[in-house]
């Protein structure tokens, strides 16, 4: 488990230095909560950043989180569409 905690730390550091891949990996860890504490607010913010940066899979991940909101169906649909088309910019 120590190695996975170290990986989470390194992904976070890479994200802070501008690596979208690092942000994506860290967001997935924050969403699952299996390795580090679950933090959906932070995961959502990172997925928003990576989706805007062109990582289509993270548009889908963000859509899954957004659809749980009271008025999230339309925003989630838009994010799922971006994920499918790759039209993230």
Protein backbone atom coordinates (compact mmCIF):
# COMPACT_ATOMS: atom_id res chain seq x y z
CA UNK A 1 0.00 0.00 0.00
CA UNK A 2 2.93 2.32 0.64
CA UNK A 3 3.85 2.33 -3.05
CA UNK A 4 0.30 3.28 -4.01
CA UNK A 5 0.27 6.12 -1.49
CA UNK A 6 3.57 7.30 -2.96
CA UNK A 7 2.07 7.08 -6.44
CA UNK A 8 -0.87 9.23 -5.33
CA UNK A 9 1.55 11.81 -3.95
CA UNK A 10 3.57 11.83 -7.18
CA UNK A 11 0.43 12.16 -9.33
CA UNK A 12 -0.66 15.11 -7.19
CA UNK A 13 2.75 16.76 -7.54
CA UNK A 14 2.74 16.20 -11.30
CA UNK A 15 -0.74 17.70 -11.50
CA UNK A 16 0.35 20.77 -9.57
CA UNK A 17 3.16 21.18 -12.10
CA UNK A 18 0.70 21.13 -15.00
CA UNK A 19 0.57 17.47 -16.04
CA UNK A 20 -2.94 16.60 -17.18
CA UNK A 21 -2.09 12.90 -17.00
CA UNK A 22 -1.06 13.39 -13.37
CA UNK A 23 -4.31 15.23 -12.65
CA UNK A 24 -6.31 12.49 -14.33
CA UNK A 25 -4.68 9.71 -12.35
CA UNK A 26 -4.98 11.63 -9.08
CA UNK A 27 -8.66 12.38 -9.77
CA UNK A 28 -9.36 8.68 -10.30
CA UNK A 29 -7.69 7.86 -6.99
CA UNK A 30 -9.69 10.56 -5.21
CA UNK A 31 -12.91 9.34 -6.78
CA UNK A 32 -12.43 5.70 -5.84
CA UNK A 33 -11.13 6.32 -2.34
CA UNK A 34 -9.44 2.91 -2.38
CA UNK A 35 -5.89 4.19 -2.07
CA UNK A 36 -6.27 7.65 -0.59
CA UNK A 37 -9.22 9.29 1.10
CA UNK A 38 -12.28 9.79 -1.08
CA UNK A 39 -12.77 13.42 -2.07
CA UNK A 40 -15.39 13.81 -4.77
CA UNK A 41 -15.24 17.61 -4.73
CA UNK A 42 -11.54 17.59 -5.52
CA UNK A 43 -11.91 14.75 -8.02
CA UNK A 44 -14.62 16.70 -9.80
CA UNK A 45 -12.43 19.80 -10.00
CA UNK A 46 -9.55 17.78 -11.44
CA UNK A 47 -11.79 16.02 -13.95
CA UNK A 48 -13.12 19.42 -15.01
CA UNK A 49 -9.55 20.57 -15.63
CA UNK A 50 -8.55 17.45 -17.56
CA UNK A 51 -11.76 17.35 -19.59
CA UNK A 52 -11.19 20.96 -20.62
CA UNK A 53 -7.61 20.00 -21.41
CA UNK A 54 -8.67 17.34 -23.90
CA UNK A 55 -8.83 14.07 -21.96
CA UNK A 56 -12.12 12.66 -23.27
CA UNK A 57 -12.29 9.83 -20.75
CA UNK A 58 -12.32 12.41 -17.98
CA UNK A 59 -15.28 14.17 -19.59
CA UNK A 60 -17.11 10.89 -19.11
CA UNK A 61 -15.88 10.58 -15.51
CA UNK A 62 -16.98 14.14 -14.79
CA UNK A 63 -20.35 13.43 -16.38
CA UNK A 64 -20.86 10.48 -14.03
CA UNK A 65 -20.27 12.77 -11.05
CA UNK A 66 -22.37 15.64 -12.42
CA UNK A 67 -25.39 13.49 -13.21
CA UNK A 68 -25.82 12.83 -9.49
CA UNK A 69 -26.60 16.53 -8.94
CA UNK A 70 -30.23 17.63 -8.73
CA UNK A 71 -30.08 19.39 -12.11
CA UNK A 72 -27.25 17.37 -13.55
CA UNK A 73 -28.91 15.53 -16.43
CA UNK A 74 -28.30 18.15 -19.14
CA UNK A 75 -24.74 19.04 -18.05
CA UNK A 76 -23.96 15.32 -17.78
CA UNK A 77 -25.36 14.69 -21.26
CA UNK A 78 -23.13 17.46 -22.64
CA UNK A 79 -20.09 15.93 -20.95
CA UNK A 80 -20.93 12.45 -22.22
CA UNK A 81 -21.27 13.90 -25.72
CA UNK A 82 -17.82 15.47 -25.42
CA UNK A 83 -16.43 12.14 -24.28
CA UNK A 84 -17.93 10.36 -27.28
CA UNK A 85 -16.94 12.86 -29.90
CA UNK A 86 -13.63 13.89 -28.42
CA UNK A 87 -14.79 17.45 -29.00
CA UNK A 88 -13.48 18.84 -25.74
CA UNK A 89 -11.95 22.13 -26.83
